[in-house]
Each structure stands twice: as C-alpha cells, then as structure tokens.
Amino acid sequence: MKYAGFTILLGILLSTLVAGSVLAADQSQWKAVTPKPKVIQKIRMAAFLDENFGVAGGAGDVGKAHYTLDGGQTWTVADSSGG
C-alpha cells in the first residue's frame, strides 16, 4: 500500500501513452518522399506546404531561392532572393 498512488499514476501514464500511440499511428498524416528536384544549382533545403507549392534554398555564394507551383515539375527563381 506504500506505493499505491505511484502505481495508479504509472498505470494512467502508460495507458495514455499507449492510447496516444495508437491514435497517432492511425492518422497517417506524414509521408516520406524523396523527390528529385529539377533545380540546376545545388540546394541547401527544400520544403513543401502542400502537394503543389514548395520552396528551395540554394547553397554557396550563388544560392538563390526557388519556388514551384506544380509539385516540383518547374522551378522559378524568387525575385526577392538574397543570393
């Protein structure tokens, strides 16, 4: 009876973690993709907001920002790019 409170709390914590894991696994919101961007220069990062709009940042001295509106089929240099 000395550790009854701890045991109850641990049981609640573990059941919450298991329930959260099951719910998170059921909602497959993330999907790993490895697209080959059609940007000529080397890129440092690329990120997509949805399946169509994405941005890519260049690497090195000539690094420029590019954006796409068609899921990476074509890329346009951003006018406000700092490179």
C-alpha atoms as a PDB file:
ATOM      1  CA  MET A   1       0.000   0.000   0.000  1.00  0.00           C
ATOM      2  CA  LYS A   2       3.035   2.227   0.331  1.00  0.00           C
ATOM      3  CA  TYR A   3       3.328   2.732  -3.447  1.00  0.00           C
ATOM      4  CA  ALA A   4      -0.366   2.564  -4.380  1.00  0.00           C
ATOM      5  CA  GLY A   5      -0.535   6.198  -5.546  1.00  0.00           C
ATOM      6  CA  PHE A   6       2.590   5.771  -7.646  1.00  0.00           C
ATOM      7  CA  THR A   7       1.270   2.561  -9.194  1.00  0.00           C
ATOM      8  CA  ILE A   8      -2.046   4.175 -10.112  1.00  0.00           C
ATOM      9  CA  LEU A   9      -0.312   7.214 -11.596  1.00  0.00           C
ATOM     10  CA  LEU A  10       2.070   4.994 -13.570  1.00  0.00           C
ATOM     11  CA  GLY A  11      -0.858   2.957 -14.895  1.00  0.00           C
ATOM     12  CA  ILE A  12      -2.660   6.117 -16.049  1.00  0.00           C
ATOM     13  CA  LEU A  13       0.503   7.436 -17.688  1.00  0.00           C
ATOM     14  CA  LEU A  14       1.207   4.194 -19.544  1.00  0.00           C
ATOM     15  CA  SER A  15      -2.380   3.829 -20.746  1.00  0.00           C
ATOM     16  CA  THR A  16      -2.331   7.426 -22.002  1.00  0.00           C
ATOM     17  CA  LEU A  17       0.912   6.804 -23.893  1.00  0.00           C
ATOM     18  CA  VAL A  18      -0.422   3.618 -25.482  1.00  0.00           C
ATOM     19  CA  ALA A  19      -3.713   5.269 -26.471  1.00  0.00           C
ATOM     20  CA  GLY A  20      -1.852   8.254 -27.943  1.00  0.00           C
ATOM     21  CA  SER A  21       0.471   5.990 -29.922  1.00  0.00           C
ATOM     22  CA  VAL A  22      -2.451   4.035 -31.366  1.00  0.00           C
ATOM     23  CA  LEU A  23      -4.268   7.222 -32.371  1.00  0.00           C
ATOM     24  CA  ALA A  24      -1.127   8.747 -33.893  1.00  0.00           C
ATOM     25  CA  ALA A  25      -0.373   5.607 -35.879  1.00  0.00           C
ATOM     26  CA  ASP A  26      -3.931   5.534 -37.192  1.00  0.00           C
ATOM     27  CA  GLN A  27      -3.721   9.069 -38.587  1.00  0.00           C
ATOM     28  CA  SER A  28      -1.129   8.765 -41.346  1.00  0.00           C
ATOM     29  CA  GLN A  29      -0.647  12.475 -41.996  1.00  0.00           C
ATOM     30  CA  TRP A  30       3.065  12.316 -42.807  1.00  0.00           C
ATOM     31  CA  LYS A  31       4.550  10.507 -45.756  1.00  0.00           C
ATOM     32  CA  ALA A  32       8.267  10.300 -46.506  1.00  0.00           C
ATOM     33  CA  VAL A  33       9.121  11.232 -50.081  1.00  0.00           C
ATOM     34  CA  THR A  34      12.424  11.614 -51.860  1.00  0.00           C
ATOM     35  CA  PRO A  35      11.708  13.728 -54.922  1.00  0.00           C
ATOM     36  CA  LYS A  36      14.444  14.695 -57.320  1.00  0.00           C
ATOM     37  CA  PRO A  37      14.022  18.445 -57.678  1.00  0.00           C
ATOM     38  CA  LYS A  38      14.568  19.912 -61.113  1.00  0.00           C
ATOM     39  CA  VAL A  39      16.720  22.780 -59.843  1.00  0.00           C
ATOM     40  CA  ILE A  40      20.016  23.157 -61.694  1.00  0.00           C
ATOM     41  CA  GLN A  41      22.049  24.591 -58.818  1.00  0.00           C
ATOM     42  CA  LYS A  42      22.856  22.823 -55.565  1.00  0.00           C
ATOM     43  CA  ILE A  43      20.207  23.282 -52.930  1.00  0.00           C
ATOM     44  CA  ARG A  44      20.571  23.505 -49.171  1.00  0.00           C
ATOM     45  CA  MET A  45      16.934  22.975 -48.214  1.00  0.00           C
ATOM     46  CA  ALA A  46      13.548  22.328 -49.754  1.00  0.00           C
ATOM     47  CA  ALA A  47      10.127  22.379 -48.141  1.00  0.00           C
ATOM     48  CA  PHE A  48       6.596  21.903 -49.408  1.00  0.00           C
ATOM     49  CA  LEU A  49       3.449  23.470 -47.982  1.00  0.00           C
ATOM     50  CA  ASP A  50       1.210  21.076 -49.893  1.00  0.00           C
ATOM     51  CA  GLU A  51       1.482  18.804 -52.943  1.00  0.00           C
ATOM     52  CA  ASN A  52       1.934  21.778 -55.290  1.00  0.00           C
ATOM     53  CA  PHE A  53       3.671  24.704 -53.557  1.00  0.00           C
ATOM     54  CA  GLY A  54       7.282  24.358 -52.441  1.00  0.00           C
ATOM     55  CA  VAL A  55      10.414  26.423 -51.918  1.00  0.00           C
ATOM     56  CA  ALA A  56      14.085  25.525 -52.250  1.00  0.00           C
ATOM     57  CA  GLY A  57      17.060  27.489 -50.960  1.00  0.00           C
ATOM     58  CA  GLY A  58      20.388  27.463 -52.747  1.00  0.00           C
ATOM     59  CA  ALA A  59      23.778  26.649 -51.283  1.00  0.00           C
ATOM     60  CA  GLY A  60      27.004  28.580 -51.592  1.00  0.00           C
ATOM     61  CA  ASP A  61      27.713  32.109 -52.839  1.00  0.00           C
ATOM     62  CA  VAL A  62      25.240  31.945 -55.719  1.00  0.00           C
ATOM     63  CA  GLY A  63      22.460  30.388 -53.667  1.00  0.00           C
ATOM     64  CA  LYS A  64      19.079  31.686 -54.706  1.00  0.00           C
ATOM     65  CA  ALA A  65      15.600  30.835 -53.559  1.00  0.00           C
ATOM     66  CA  HIS A  66      13.361  28.965 -55.994  1.00  0.00           C
ATOM     67  CA  TYR A  67       9.667  28.195 -55.781  1.00  0.00           C
ATOM     68  CA  THR A  68       7.347  25.792 -57.531  1.00  0.00           C
ATOM     69  CA  LEU A  69       3.593  25.842 -58.018  1.00  0.00           C
ATOM     70  CA  ASP A  70       3.290  22.468 -59.763  1.00  0.00           C
ATOM     71  CA  GLY A  71       4.788  19.999 -57.328  1.00  0.00           C
ATOM     72  CA  GLY A  72       8.399  20.431 -58.444  1.00  0.00           C
ATOM     73  CA  GLN A  73       7.986  19.988 -62.196  1.00  0.00           C
ATOM     74  CA  THR A  74       9.162  23.567 -62.822  1.00  0.00           C
ATOM     75  CA  TRP A  75      11.058  25.937 -60.544  1.00  0.00           C
ATOM     76  CA  THR A  76      11.215  29.745 -60.714  1.00  0.00           C
ATOM     77  CA  VAL A  77      13.851  31.996 -59.138  1.00  0.00           C
ATOM     78  CA  ALA A  78      12.228  34.152 -56.463  1.00  0.00           C
ATOM     79  CA  ASP A  79      12.532  37.891 -57.199  1.00  0.00           C
ATOM     80  CA  SER A  80      13.309  38.704 -53.570  1.00  0.00           C
ATOM     81  CA  SER A  81      16.102  36.132 -53.317  1.00  0.00           C
ATOM     82  CA  GLY A  82      19.172  37.353 -51.462  1.00  0.00           C
ATOM     83  CA  GLY A  83      21.767  35.407 -53.491  1.00  0.00           C
END
